[in-house]
Amino acid sequence: MNSRLAARGIPVACEVDIYGALSEYIGACVTGDAVTLLDINNSVPQYIYDEDIAGRFDYGIKDTFMGFHCGNTPSCKLCGGCAVKYQLIQNRLLENGGEPDFTRGTLEGDIAPGEITFYRLQCDSQGSLRSYIAQGEVLPVATRSFGGIGVFAIPEMGRFYRHVLIQKGYPHHGAVAFAHCGKALFEVFKYFGIADIAYNQPKSLPYPTENPWG
């Protein structure tokens, strides 16, 4: 259901993620296209990086991550062969890994390769709005995994993850627009009056809390 709604331009975020849904809506307005919401706390296994990324793409392993969720990505943004399956994690926990019953209904498949913008609007505990934006791509690399998932690459993602996403306490969900639309999103967030608009800074531009001696 989440996938079908998102495909029609109706943002829907699981886990009561109101700012996630709002972020999706902003991306849908900016791009006129479907968006999705993914977990960003999954690293790319070393063997996948060694076999399918190293030497083929100009990314280090810390630039890559698995964008994942259990089935909310629209079918139009997945590779061919996607299918309605079941929530594997919940099935293991609640149905003891047996024949799926109430865990059925997730749309699963690898996310199609192409340009993406990874972003989020968020309110902190003091009531102040803040945001982040990072452009990158989904690589044409098989994930060998389950759910709606893709191998993402964003330049300097490791530093961005540490000094922005973790340090500033952002949730594990990030919105994904399937285009490079960072310029437009930056202007939208400025219009909202947001002073803290973070992005993935290049190596030549250290973060305020980054140790200059490495």
N, C-alpha and C. Protein backbone atom coordinates (compact mmCIF):
# COMPACT_ATOMS: atom_id res chain seq x y z
N MET A 1 0.82 -1.20 0.00
CA MET A 1 0.00 0.00 0.00
C MET A 1 0.87 1.27 0.00
N ASN A 2 1.92 1.26 0.84
CA ASN A 2 2.83 2.41 0.86
C ASN A 2 3.42 2.67 -0.52
N SER A 3 3.82 1.60 -1.19
CA SER A 3 4.42 1.73 -2.52
C SER A 3 3.44 2.34 -3.51
N ARG A 4 2.20 1.87 -3.48
CA ARG A 4 1.20 2.36 -4.43
C ARG A 4 0.87 3.84 -4.19
N LEU A 5 0.78 4.22 -2.93
CA LEU A 5 0.51 5.62 -2.62
C LEU A 5 1.66 6.52 -3.08
N ALA A 6 2.89 6.10 -2.78
CA ALA A 6 4.05 6.90 -3.17
C ALA A 6 4.14 7.04 -4.69
N ALA A 7 3.78 5.98 -5.42
CA ALA A 7 3.81 6.01 -6.87
C ALA A 7 2.81 7.02 -7.44
N ARG A 8 1.77 7.31 -6.69
CA ARG A 8 0.75 8.28 -7.11
C ARG A 8 1.05 9.69 -6.60
N GLY A 9 2.21 9.86 -5.97
CA GLY A 9 2.58 11.17 -5.47
C GLY A 9 2.00 11.50 -4.12
N ILE A 10 1.55 10.47 -3.40
CA ILE A 10 0.98 10.65 -2.06
C ILE A 10 2.00 10.11 -1.05
N PRO A 11 2.76 10.98 -0.41
CA PRO A 11 3.80 10.51 0.52
C PRO A 11 3.20 9.75 1.70
N VAL A 12 3.84 8.69 2.07
CA VAL A 12 3.43 7.93 3.25
C VAL A 12 4.69 7.36 3.90
N ALA A 13 4.84 7.62 5.19
CA ALA A 13 6.04 7.17 5.89
C ALA A 13 5.64 6.25 7.04
N CYS A 14 6.28 5.10 7.12
CA CYS A 14 6.01 4.17 8.20
C CYS A 14 6.68 4.66 9.49
N GLU A 15 6.41 3.96 10.58
CA GLU A 15 7.01 4.24 11.88
C GLU A 15 6.68 5.64 12.39
N VAL A 16 5.52 6.16 12.02
CA VAL A 16 5.02 7.46 12.47
C VAL A 16 6.03 8.57 12.18
N ASP A 17 6.70 8.51 11.05
CA ASP A 17 7.72 9.48 10.70
C ASP A 17 7.08 10.66 9.97
N ILE A 18 6.55 11.61 10.73
CA ILE A 18 5.85 12.74 10.14
C ILE A 18 6.78 13.61 9.29
N TYR A 19 7.97 13.89 9.82
CA TYR A 19 8.91 14.71 9.05
C TYR A 19 9.44 13.95 7.84
N GLY A 20 9.46 12.63 7.92
CA GLY A 20 9.82 11.84 6.75
C GLY A 20 8.79 11.99 5.65
N ALA A 21 7.50 11.93 6.02
CA ALA A 21 6.43 12.11 5.04
C ALA A 21 6.46 13.52 4.45
N LEU A 22 6.72 14.52 5.30
CA LEU A 22 6.82 15.90 4.82
C LEU A 22 8.00 16.06 3.86
N SER A 23 9.11 15.41 4.19
CA SER A 23 10.28 15.46 3.31
C SER A 23 9.94 14.84 1.95
N GLU A 24 9.25 13.71 1.98
CA GLU A 24 8.84 13.07 0.74
C GLU A 24 7.96 14.00 -0.09
N TYR A 25 7.03 14.66 0.58
CA TYR A 25 6.11 15.56 -0.13
C TYR A 25 6.87 16.69 -0.82
N ILE A 26 7.86 17.25 -0.12
CA ILE A 26 8.68 18.31 -0.71
C ILE A 26 9.39 17.79 -1.96
N GLY A 27 9.98 16.59 -1.86
CA GLY A 27 10.68 16.02 -3.01
C GLY A 27 9.75 15.74 -4.18
N ALA A 28 8.53 15.29 -3.88
CA ALA A 28 7.56 15.03 -4.93
C ALA A 28 7.15 16.32 -5.63
N CYS A 29 7.02 17.41 -4.86
CA CYS A 29 6.68 18.71 -5.45
C CYS A 29 7.82 19.24 -6.31
N VAL A 30 9.05 19.06 -5.85
CA VAL A 30 10.21 19.58 -6.57
C VAL A 30 10.44 18.83 -7.88
N THR A 31 10.30 17.49 -7.84
CA THR A 31 10.64 16.67 -9.00
C THR A 31 9.44 16.30 -9.87
N GLY A 32 8.22 16.37 -9.31
CA GLY A 32 7.06 15.90 -10.04
C GLY A 32 7.11 14.40 -10.26
N ASP A 33 7.80 13.70 -9.38
CA ASP A 33 8.03 12.26 -9.55
C ASP A 33 7.87 11.57 -8.20
N ALA A 34 7.79 10.27 -8.24
CA ALA A 34 7.70 9.47 -7.01
C ALA A 34 9.00 9.56 -6.22
N VAL A 35 8.88 9.48 -4.92
CA VAL A 35 10.03 9.48 -4.01
C VAL A 35 9.90 8.28 -3.08
N THR A 36 10.89 8.09 -2.24
CA THR A 36 10.80 7.01 -1.26
C THR A 36 11.51 7.43 0.02
N LEU A 37 11.38 6.61 1.05
CA LEU A 37 12.00 6.85 2.35
C LEU A 37 12.74 5.58 2.72
N LEU A 38 14.03 5.70 3.03
CA LEU A 38 14.86 4.52 3.26
C LEU A 38 15.68 4.63 4.53
N ASP A 39 15.99 3.47 5.12
CA ASP A 39 16.97 3.41 6.20
C ASP A 39 18.36 3.63 5.61
N ILE A 40 19.22 4.27 6.39
CA ILE A 40 20.56 4.58 5.90
C ILE A 40 21.65 4.00 6.80
N ASN A 41 21.27 3.02 7.63
CA ASN A 41 22.21 2.50 8.62
C ASN A 41 22.76 1.12 8.23
N ASN A 42 22.80 0.84 6.94
CA ASN A 42 23.30 -0.46 6.49
C ASN A 42 24.51 -0.24 5.57
N SER A 43 25.63 -0.82 5.92
CA SER A 43 26.84 -0.68 5.11
C SER A 43 26.87 -1.72 3.99
N VAL A 44 27.66 -1.44 2.97
CA VAL A 44 27.86 -2.39 1.88
C VAL A 44 28.88 -3.44 2.32
N PRO A 45 28.55 -4.73 2.25
CA PRO A 45 29.53 -5.76 2.64
C PRO A 45 30.81 -5.64 1.84
N GLN A 46 31.92 -5.95 2.48
CA GLN A 46 33.22 -5.82 1.83
C GLN A 46 33.30 -6.64 0.55
N TYR A 47 32.71 -7.84 0.54
CA TYR A 47 32.84 -8.70 -0.64
C TYR A 47 32.07 -8.11 -1.83
N ILE A 48 30.93 -7.45 -1.58
CA ILE A 48 30.21 -6.81 -2.68
C ILE A 48 31.01 -5.63 -3.22
N TYR A 49 31.60 -4.86 -2.30
CA TYR A 49 32.43 -3.74 -2.75
C TYR A 49 33.60 -4.25 -3.58
N ASP A 50 34.29 -5.28 -3.10
CA ASP A 50 35.46 -5.80 -3.80
C ASP A 50 35.10 -6.37 -5.16
N GLU A 51 33.97 -7.08 -5.24
CA GLU A 51 33.59 -7.77 -6.47
C GLU A 51 32.96 -6.84 -7.52
N ASP A 52 32.16 -5.89 -7.08
CA ASP A 52 31.31 -5.16 -8.02
C ASP A 52 31.52 -3.65 -8.07
N ILE A 53 32.29 -3.08 -7.13
CA ILE A 53 32.42 -1.63 -7.10
C ILE A 53 33.88 -1.18 -7.29
N ALA A 54 34.79 -1.78 -6.55
CA ALA A 54 36.20 -1.40 -6.63
C ALA A 54 36.72 -1.54 -8.06
N GLY A 55 37.34 -0.49 -8.57
CA GLY A 55 37.88 -0.53 -9.93
C GLY A 55 36.88 -0.19 -11.01
N ARG A 56 35.59 -0.27 -10.71
CA ARG A 56 34.54 0.06 -11.69
C ARG A 56 34.00 1.47 -11.49
N PHE A 57 33.95 1.89 -10.24
CA PHE A 57 33.39 3.20 -9.90
C PHE A 57 34.37 3.95 -9.01
N ASP A 58 34.35 5.25 -9.09
CA ASP A 58 35.30 6.07 -8.36
C ASP A 58 34.77 6.38 -6.95
N TYR A 59 34.50 5.32 -6.19
CA TYR A 59 34.01 5.46 -4.82
C TYR A 59 34.78 4.53 -3.89
N GLY A 60 35.15 5.05 -2.71
CA GLY A 60 35.67 4.17 -1.67
C GLY A 60 34.52 3.50 -0.95
N ILE A 61 34.80 2.48 -0.17
CA ILE A 61 33.73 1.76 0.49
C ILE A 61 32.96 2.65 1.46
N LYS A 62 33.62 3.67 2.04
CA LYS A 62 32.93 4.57 2.96
C LYS A 62 32.03 5.56 2.24
N ASP A 63 32.13 5.60 0.92
CA ASP A 63 31.20 6.44 0.14
C ASP A 63 29.90 5.70 -0.15
N THR A 64 29.86 4.41 0.14
CA THR A 64 28.72 3.58 -0.24
C THR A 64 27.93 3.13 0.98
N PHE A 65 26.66 2.84 0.75
CA PHE A 65 25.81 2.28 1.80
C PHE A 65 24.60 1.61 1.14
N MET A 66 23.91 0.78 1.91
CA MET A 66 22.69 0.14 1.45
C MET A 66 21.50 0.98 1.89
N GLY A 67 20.79 1.57 0.94
CA GLY A 67 19.53 2.22 1.26
C GLY A 67 18.46 1.16 1.27
N PHE A 68 17.78 1.00 2.39
CA PHE A 68 16.89 -0.16 2.57
C PHE A 68 15.58 0.22 3.26
N HIS A 69 14.52 -0.42 2.84
CA HIS A 69 13.31 -0.50 3.67
C HIS A 69 12.53 -1.73 3.23
N CYS A 70 11.52 -2.04 4.03
CA CYS A 70 10.86 -3.34 3.86
C CYS A 70 9.85 -3.39 2.73
N GLY A 71 9.66 -2.31 1.99
CA GLY A 71 8.76 -2.44 0.85
C GLY A 71 7.97 -1.22 0.50
N ASN A 72 8.45 -0.02 0.83
CA ASN A 72 7.70 1.20 0.56
C ASN A 72 8.12 1.91 -0.72
N THR A 73 9.12 1.40 -1.42
CA THR A 73 9.58 2.05 -2.66
C THR A 73 8.66 1.67 -3.82
N PRO A 74 8.19 2.64 -4.60
CA PRO A 74 7.27 2.34 -5.71
C PRO A 74 7.90 1.41 -6.73
N SER A 75 7.07 0.59 -7.36
CA SER A 75 7.57 -0.37 -8.33
C SER A 75 8.24 0.31 -9.51
N CYS A 76 7.83 1.55 -9.84
CA CYS A 76 8.44 2.27 -10.96
C CYS A 76 9.88 2.65 -10.69
N LYS A 77 10.34 2.52 -9.44
CA LYS A 77 11.72 2.85 -9.09
C LYS A 77 12.53 1.59 -8.76
N LEU A 78 11.98 0.43 -9.03
CA LEU A 78 12.68 -0.83 -8.79
C LEU A 78 13.05 -1.49 -10.11
N CYS A 79 14.04 -2.36 -10.06
CA CYS A 79 14.43 -3.12 -11.24
C CYS A 79 13.33 -4.11 -11.61
N GLY A 80 13.39 -4.59 -12.84
CA GLY A 80 12.45 -5.61 -13.26
C GLY A 80 12.59 -6.85 -12.40
N GLY A 81 11.49 -7.52 -12.17
CA GLY A 81 11.54 -8.71 -11.32
C GLY A 81 11.12 -8.45 -9.89
N CYS A 82 10.76 -7.21 -9.56
CA CYS A 82 10.27 -6.94 -8.21
C CYS A 82 8.95 -7.68 -8.00
N ALA A 83 8.64 -7.97 -6.75
CA ALA A 83 7.44 -8.78 -6.46
C ALA A 83 6.91 -8.47 -5.07
N VAL A 84 5.64 -8.74 -4.86
CA VAL A 84 5.04 -8.62 -3.54
C VAL A 84 5.42 -9.87 -2.74
N LYS A 85 6.09 -9.65 -1.61
CA LYS A 85 6.54 -10.77 -0.79
C LYS A 85 6.07 -10.58 0.64
N TYR A 86 6.97 -10.75 1.61
CA TYR A 86 6.59 -10.59 3.01
C TYR A 86 7.74 -9.97 3.77
N GLN A 87 7.43 -9.41 4.95
CA GLN A 87 8.43 -8.73 5.76
C GLN A 87 9.26 -9.77 6.51
N LEU A 88 10.47 -10.01 6.01
CA LEU A 88 11.30 -11.09 6.53
C LEU A 88 11.63 -10.91 8.01
N ILE A 89 11.98 -9.69 8.43
CA ILE A 89 12.37 -9.47 9.82
C ILE A 89 11.19 -9.73 10.75
N GLN A 90 10.03 -9.17 10.43
CA GLN A 90 8.84 -9.38 11.26
C GLN A 90 8.40 -10.84 11.24
N ASN A 91 8.56 -11.49 10.09
CA ASN A 91 8.22 -12.91 10.00
C ASN A 91 9.06 -13.74 10.95
N ARG A 92 10.34 -13.43 11.03
CA ARG A 92 11.23 -14.16 11.95
C ARG A 92 10.85 -13.92 13.40
N LEU A 93 10.50 -12.66 13.72
CA LEU A 93 10.21 -12.29 15.11
C LEU A 93 8.83 -12.73 15.56
N LEU A 94 7.83 -12.56 14.70
CA LEU A 94 6.44 -12.74 15.11
C LEU A 94 5.81 -14.04 14.62
N GLU A 95 6.39 -14.64 13.58
CA GLU A 95 5.84 -15.89 13.05
C GLU A 95 6.86 -17.01 13.07
N ASN A 96 7.94 -16.75 13.82
CA ASN A 96 9.00 -17.76 14.02
C ASN A 96 9.55 -18.31 12.71
N GLY A 97 9.54 -17.48 11.67
CA GLY A 97 10.09 -17.90 10.39
C GLY A 97 9.24 -18.89 9.63
N GLY A 98 8.00 -19.08 10.08
CA GLY A 98 7.11 -20.03 9.41
C GLY A 98 6.40 -19.44 8.21
N GLU A 99 5.37 -20.11 7.74
CA GLU A 99 4.61 -19.65 6.59
C GLU A 99 4.06 -18.25 6.86
N PRO A 100 4.37 -17.27 6.02
CA PRO A 100 3.92 -15.89 6.28
C PRO A 100 2.40 -15.77 6.28
N ASP A 101 1.90 -15.00 7.22
CA ASP A 101 0.46 -14.73 7.28
C ASP A 101 0.27 -13.21 7.29
N PHE A 102 0.26 -12.61 8.48
CA PHE A 102 0.03 -11.17 8.57
C PHE A 102 1.27 -10.34 8.22
N THR A 103 2.40 -11.00 7.93
CA THR A 103 3.59 -10.26 7.49
C THR A 103 3.67 -10.14 5.97
N ARG A 104 2.68 -10.66 5.26
CA ARG A 104 2.68 -10.53 3.81
C ARG A 104 2.41 -9.09 3.38
N GLY A 105 2.86 -8.77 2.17
CA GLY A 105 2.44 -7.50 1.59
C GLY A 105 3.52 -6.48 1.30
N THR A 106 4.79 -6.84 1.37
CA THR A 106 5.85 -5.88 1.04
C THR A 106 6.27 -6.03 -0.42
N LEU A 107 6.51 -4.90 -1.07
CA LEU A 107 7.00 -4.91 -2.44
C LEU A 107 8.52 -4.91 -2.39
N GLU A 108 9.13 -5.93 -2.95
CA GLU A 108 10.57 -6.11 -2.81
C GLU A 108 11.28 -6.18 -4.15
N GLY A 109 12.51 -5.68 -4.14
CA GLY A 109 13.35 -5.73 -5.32
C GLY A 109 14.48 -4.73 -5.20
N ASP A 110 15.49 -4.87 -6.03
CA ASP A 110 16.60 -3.91 -6.05
C ASP A 110 16.14 -2.60 -6.68
N ILE A 111 16.59 -1.49 -6.10
CA ILE A 111 16.26 -0.17 -6.62
C ILE A 111 17.04 0.07 -7.92
N ALA A 112 16.36 0.61 -8.92
CA ALA A 112 16.98 0.81 -10.23
C ALA A 112 18.11 1.83 -10.14
N PRO A 113 19.20 1.62 -10.87
CA PRO A 113 20.32 2.56 -10.85
C PRO A 113 19.96 3.90 -11.47
N GLY A 114 20.64 4.94 -11.00
CA GLY A 114 20.41 6.27 -11.53
C GLY A 114 20.73 7.35 -10.52
N GLU A 115 20.55 8.58 -10.90
CA GLU A 115 20.83 9.72 -10.02
C GLU A 115 19.83 9.79 -8.88
N ILE A 116 20.31 10.23 -7.71
CA ILE A 116 19.42 10.43 -6.57
C ILE A 116 19.87 11.67 -5.78
N THR A 117 18.94 12.22 -5.04
CA THR A 117 19.27 13.21 -4.02
C THR A 117 18.72 12.69 -2.70
N PHE A 118 19.60 12.64 -1.74
CA PHE A 118 19.30 12.11 -0.42
C PHE A 118 19.15 13.32 0.51
N TYR A 119 18.03 13.45 1.18
CA TYR A 119 17.77 14.69 1.92
C TYR A 119 16.76 14.44 3.04
N ARG A 120 16.61 15.46 3.90
CA ARG A 120 15.61 15.38 4.96
C ARG A 120 15.39 16.75 5.60
N LEU A 121 14.14 17.02 5.92
CA LEU A 121 13.75 18.14 6.76
C LEU A 121 13.42 17.58 8.13
N GLN A 122 13.91 18.21 9.19
CA GLN A 122 13.74 17.67 10.54
C GLN A 122 13.61 18.80 11.54
N CYS A 123 12.90 18.54 12.63
CA CYS A 123 12.81 19.47 13.74
C CYS A 123 13.55 18.87 14.93
N ASP A 124 14.44 19.66 15.56
CA ASP A 124 15.18 19.13 16.69
C ASP A 124 14.37 19.27 17.98
N SER A 125 14.94 18.83 19.08
CA SER A 125 14.23 18.82 20.36
C SER A 125 13.93 20.22 20.89
N GLN A 126 14.59 21.23 20.33
CA GLN A 126 14.36 22.61 20.75
C GLN A 126 13.33 23.32 19.87
N GLY A 127 12.80 22.58 18.89
CA GLY A 127 11.78 23.17 18.02
C GLY A 127 12.33 23.90 16.82
N SER A 128 13.62 23.73 16.52
CA SER A 128 14.22 24.42 15.37
C SER A 128 14.30 23.48 14.17
N LEU A 129 13.93 23.99 13.00
CA LEU A 129 14.03 23.20 11.78
C LEU A 129 15.46 23.17 11.27
N ARG A 130 15.87 22.04 10.73
CA ARG A 130 17.17 21.91 10.10
C ARG A 130 17.03 20.91 8.97
N SER A 131 18.04 20.76 8.16
CA SER A 131 17.93 19.88 7.01
C SER A 131 19.30 19.46 6.51
N TYR A 132 19.29 18.47 5.63
CA TYR A 132 20.52 18.08 4.92
C TYR A 132 20.17 17.69 3.50
N ILE A 133 21.16 17.79 2.64
CA ILE A 133 21.01 17.45 1.22
C ILE A 133 22.32 16.83 0.75
N ALA A 134 22.24 15.73 0.01
CA ALA A 134 23.43 15.13 -0.59
C ALA A 134 23.05 14.45 -1.89
N GLN A 135 23.78 14.77 -2.95
CA GLN A 135 23.51 14.15 -4.24
C GLN A 135 24.44 12.96 -4.48
N GLY A 136 23.92 11.96 -5.16
CA GLY A 136 24.71 10.78 -5.47
C GLY A 136 24.02 9.93 -6.51
N GLU A 137 24.17 8.62 -6.36
CA GLU A 137 23.55 7.72 -7.33
C GLU A 137 23.31 6.34 -6.72
N VAL A 138 22.40 5.61 -7.33
CA VAL A 138 22.24 4.19 -7.05
C VAL A 138 23.08 3.45 -8.09
N LEU A 139 23.97 2.60 -7.62
CA LEU A 139 24.87 1.89 -8.54
C LEU A 139 24.18 0.66 -9.14
N PRO A 140 24.56 0.27 -10.35
CA PRO A 140 24.01 -0.93 -10.98
C PRO A 140 24.68 -2.19 -10.41
N VAL A 141 24.45 -2.42 -9.12
CA VAL A 141 25.08 -3.52 -8.39
C VAL A 141 24.00 -4.32 -7.68
N ALA A 142 24.00 -5.62 -7.89
CA ALA A 142 23.02 -6.49 -7.22
C ALA A 142 23.27 -6.49 -5.71
N THR A 143 22.20 -6.37 -4.93
CA THR A 143 22.35 -6.26 -3.48
C THR A 143 22.47 -7.61 -2.78
N ARG A 144 21.95 -8.66 -3.39
CA ARG A 144 21.90 -10.01 -2.77
C ARG A 144 21.16 -9.97 -1.44
N SER A 145 20.13 -9.14 -1.35
CA SER A 145 19.44 -8.98 -0.08
C SER A 145 17.93 -8.94 -0.30
N PHE A 146 17.19 -8.54 0.72
CA PHE A 146 15.73 -8.54 0.65
C PHE A 146 15.21 -7.13 0.88
N GLY A 147 13.91 -6.95 0.72
CA GLY A 147 13.29 -5.65 0.89
C GLY A 147 13.45 -4.79 -0.36
N GLY A 148 13.04 -3.53 -0.26
CA GLY A 148 13.32 -2.56 -1.30
C GLY A 148 14.67 -1.95 -0.98
N ILE A 149 15.68 -2.25 -1.77
CA ILE A 149 17.05 -1.97 -1.37
C ILE A 149 17.92 -1.65 -2.58
N GLY A 150 18.91 -0.79 -2.38
CA GLY A 150 19.84 -0.48 -3.44
C GLY A 150 21.21 -0.16 -2.88
N VAL A 151 22.22 -0.27 -3.72
CA VAL A 151 23.58 0.13 -3.35
C VAL A 151 23.75 1.59 -3.74
N PHE A 152 23.84 2.46 -2.74
CA PHE A 152 23.94 3.90 -2.95
C PHE A 152 25.39 4.36 -2.83
N ALA A 153 25.71 5.40 -3.56
CA ALA A 153 27.04 6.00 -3.47
C ALA A 153 26.90 7.51 -3.43
N ILE A 154 27.50 8.12 -2.41
CA ILE A 154 27.52 9.57 -2.25
C ILE A 154 28.95 9.98 -1.90
N PRO A 155 29.54 10.90 -2.65
CA PRO A 155 30.91 11.31 -2.34
C PRO A 155 31.06 11.77 -0.90
N GLU A 156 32.09 11.27 -0.22
CA GLU A 156 32.40 11.62 1.17
C GLU A 156 31.26 11.29 2.13
N MET A 157 30.55 10.20 1.84
CA MET A 157 29.42 9.80 2.67
C MET A 157 29.85 9.46 4.09
N GLY A 158 31.02 8.85 4.26
CA GLY A 158 31.48 8.47 5.59
C GLY A 158 31.60 9.66 6.51
N ARG A 159 32.22 10.72 6.03
CA ARG A 159 32.36 11.94 6.84
C ARG A 159 31.01 12.61 7.06
N PHE A 160 30.19 12.65 6.03
CA PHE A 160 28.86 13.23 6.13
C PHE A 160 28.01 12.48 7.16
N TYR A 161 28.09 11.17 7.13
CA TYR A 161 27.33 10.34 8.08
C TYR A 161 27.75 10.63 9.52
N ARG A 162 29.06 10.76 9.72
CA ARG A 162 29.58 10.96 11.07
C ARG A 162 29.31 12.37 11.60
N HIS A 163 29.64 13.37 10.79
CA HIS A 163 29.62 14.75 11.28
C HIS A 163 28.28 15.46 11.10
N VAL A 164 27.37 14.85 10.34
CA VAL A 164 26.05 15.45 10.18
C VAL A 164 24.96 14.52 10.70
N LEU A 165 24.81 13.37 10.09
CA LEU A 165 23.68 12.50 10.43
C LEU A 165 23.73 12.00 11.87
N ILE A 166 24.89 11.54 12.30
CA ILE A 166 25.01 11.03 13.68
C ILE A 166 25.16 12.19 14.66
N GLN A 167 26.09 13.08 14.41
CA GLN A 167 26.38 14.13 15.37
C GLN A 167 25.19 15.03 15.65
N LYS A 168 24.37 15.28 14.62
CA LYS A 168 23.22 16.15 14.79
C LYS A 168 21.94 15.38 15.14
N GLY A 169 22.07 14.08 15.33
CA GLY A 169 20.95 13.28 15.82
C GLY A 169 19.81 13.10 14.85
N TYR A 170 20.12 13.00 13.55
CA TYR A 170 19.06 12.77 12.58
C TYR A 170 18.53 11.34 12.69
N PRO A 171 17.25 11.12 12.39
CA PRO A 171 16.68 9.76 12.39
C PRO A 171 17.32 8.89 11.31
N HIS A 172 17.09 7.60 11.41
CA HIS A 172 17.69 6.66 10.45
C HIS A 172 17.01 6.70 9.09
N HIS A 173 15.87 7.34 8.97
CA HIS A 173 15.18 7.48 7.68
C HIS A 173 15.72 8.67 6.90
N GLY A 174 15.90 8.49 5.62
CA GLY A 174 16.24 9.59 4.73
C GLY A 174 15.33 9.54 3.52
N ALA A 175 14.93 10.71 3.03
CA ALA A 175 14.11 10.77 1.83
C ALA A 175 15.01 10.67 0.59
N VAL A 176 14.49 10.03 -0.44
CA VAL A 176 15.25 9.86 -1.68
C VAL A 176 14.43 10.35 -2.85
N ALA A 177 14.94 11.36 -3.54
CA ALA A 177 14.37 11.81 -4.81
C ALA A 177 15.22 11.22 -5.93
N PHE A 178 14.58 10.78 -6.99
CA PHE A 178 15.29 10.08 -8.05
C PHE A 178 15.73 11.04 -9.16
N ALA A 179 16.52 12.02 -8.74
CA ALA A 179 17.09 13.02 -9.64
C ALA A 179 18.08 13.84 -8.83
N HIS A 180 18.94 14.57 -9.50
CA HIS A 180 19.81 15.53 -8.83
C HIS A 180 19.02 16.84 -8.70
N CYS A 181 18.46 17.08 -7.52
CA CYS A 181 17.63 18.26 -7.31
C CYS A 181 18.08 19.03 -6.08
N GLY A 182 19.36 18.91 -5.72
CA GLY A 182 19.88 19.58 -4.55
C GLY A 182 19.74 21.10 -4.64
N LYS A 183 19.94 21.67 -5.83
CA LYS A 183 19.84 23.11 -5.99
C LYS A 183 18.45 23.61 -5.63
N ALA A 184 17.42 22.93 -6.14
CA ALA A 184 16.04 23.33 -5.85
C ALA A 184 15.69 23.12 -4.39
N LEU A 185 16.11 21.98 -3.82
CA LEU A 185 15.82 21.71 -2.41
C LEU A 185 16.49 22.74 -1.51
N PHE A 186 17.71 23.14 -1.84
CA PHE A 186 18.41 24.14 -1.05
C PHE A 186 17.62 25.45 -1.02
N GLU A 187 17.07 25.85 -2.14
CA GLU A 187 16.29 27.08 -2.20
C GLU A 187 14.98 26.94 -1.41
N VAL A 188 14.37 25.76 -1.47
CA VAL A 188 13.15 25.52 -0.69
C VAL A 188 13.43 25.65 0.80
N PHE A 189 14.51 25.02 1.25
CA PHE A 189 14.84 25.06 2.67
C PHE A 189 15.22 26.48 3.11
N LYS A 190 15.90 27.22 2.24
CA LYS A 190 16.18 28.62 2.55
C LYS A 190 14.88 29.41 2.69
N TYR A 191 13.93 29.14 1.82
CA TYR A 191 12.64 29.83 1.86
C TYR A 191 11.92 29.56 3.18
N PHE A 192 12.12 28.36 3.71
CA PHE A 192 11.54 28.01 5.02
C PHE A 192 12.23 28.74 6.17
N GLY A 193 13.32 29.41 5.88
CA GLY A 193 14.06 30.10 6.92
C GLY A 193 15.01 29.22 7.69
N ILE A 194 15.40 28.09 7.10
CA ILE A 194 16.29 27.14 7.78
C ILE A 194 17.73 27.62 7.63
N ALA A 195 18.39 27.82 8.75
CA ALA A 195 19.79 28.27 8.73
C ALA A 195 20.76 27.11 8.60
N ASP A 196 20.41 25.97 9.18
CA ASP A 196 21.30 24.80 9.17
C ASP A 196 20.89 23.86 8.03
N ILE A 197 21.51 24.06 6.87
CA ILE A 197 21.30 23.18 5.71
C ILE A 197 22.62 22.48 5.45
N ALA A 198 22.76 21.27 5.93
CA ALA A 198 24.02 20.53 5.81
C ALA A 198 24.11 19.82 4.46
N TYR A 199 25.33 19.55 4.05
CA TYR A 199 25.56 18.80 2.82
C TYR A 199 26.86 18.02 2.96
N ASN A 200 27.10 17.11 2.03
CA ASN A 200 28.32 16.30 2.07
C ASN A 200 29.51 17.11 1.58
N GLN A 201 30.26 17.64 2.53
CA GLN A 201 31.35 18.54 2.19
C GLN A 201 32.55 17.79 1.60
N PRO A 202 33.22 18.38 0.62
CA PRO A 202 34.41 17.74 0.04
C PRO A 202 35.54 17.68 1.04
N LYS A 203 36.55 16.90 0.74
CA LYS A 203 37.69 16.75 1.64
C LYS A 203 38.37 18.08 1.93
N SER A 204 38.35 18.98 0.97
CA SER A 204 39.01 20.27 1.13
C SER A 204 38.27 21.21 2.07
N LEU A 205 37.07 20.82 2.49
CA LEU A 205 36.26 21.67 3.37
C LEU A 205 35.85 20.88 4.61
N PRO A 206 36.65 20.92 5.67
CA PRO A 206 36.36 20.14 6.88
C PRO A 206 35.09 20.61 7.57
N TYR A 207 34.44 19.69 8.27
CA TYR A 207 33.30 20.05 9.10
C TYR A 207 33.81 20.77 10.35
N PRO A 208 32.97 21.59 11.00
CA PRO A 208 33.43 22.35 12.17
C PRO A 208 34.03 21.50 13.27
N THR A 209 33.54 20.26 13.44
CA THR A 209 34.04 19.40 14.50
C THR A 209 35.04 18.37 14.01
N GLU A 210 35.44 18.46 12.75
CA GLU A 210 36.36 17.47 12.18
C GLU A 210 37.79 17.81 12.55
N ASN A 211 38.50 16.82 13.04
CA ASN A 211 39.89 17.01 13.46
C ASN A 211 40.76 17.29 12.23
N PRO A 212 41.39 18.44 12.15
CA PRO A 212 42.19 18.79 10.97
C PRO A 212 43.43 17.93 10.79
N TRP A 213 43.81 17.18 11.82
CA TRP A 213 44.97 16.28 11.73
C TRP A 213 44.57 14.84 11.46
N GLY A 214 43.30 14.63 11.12
CA GLY A 214 42.83 13.30 10.76
C GLY A 214 42.42 12.44 11.92
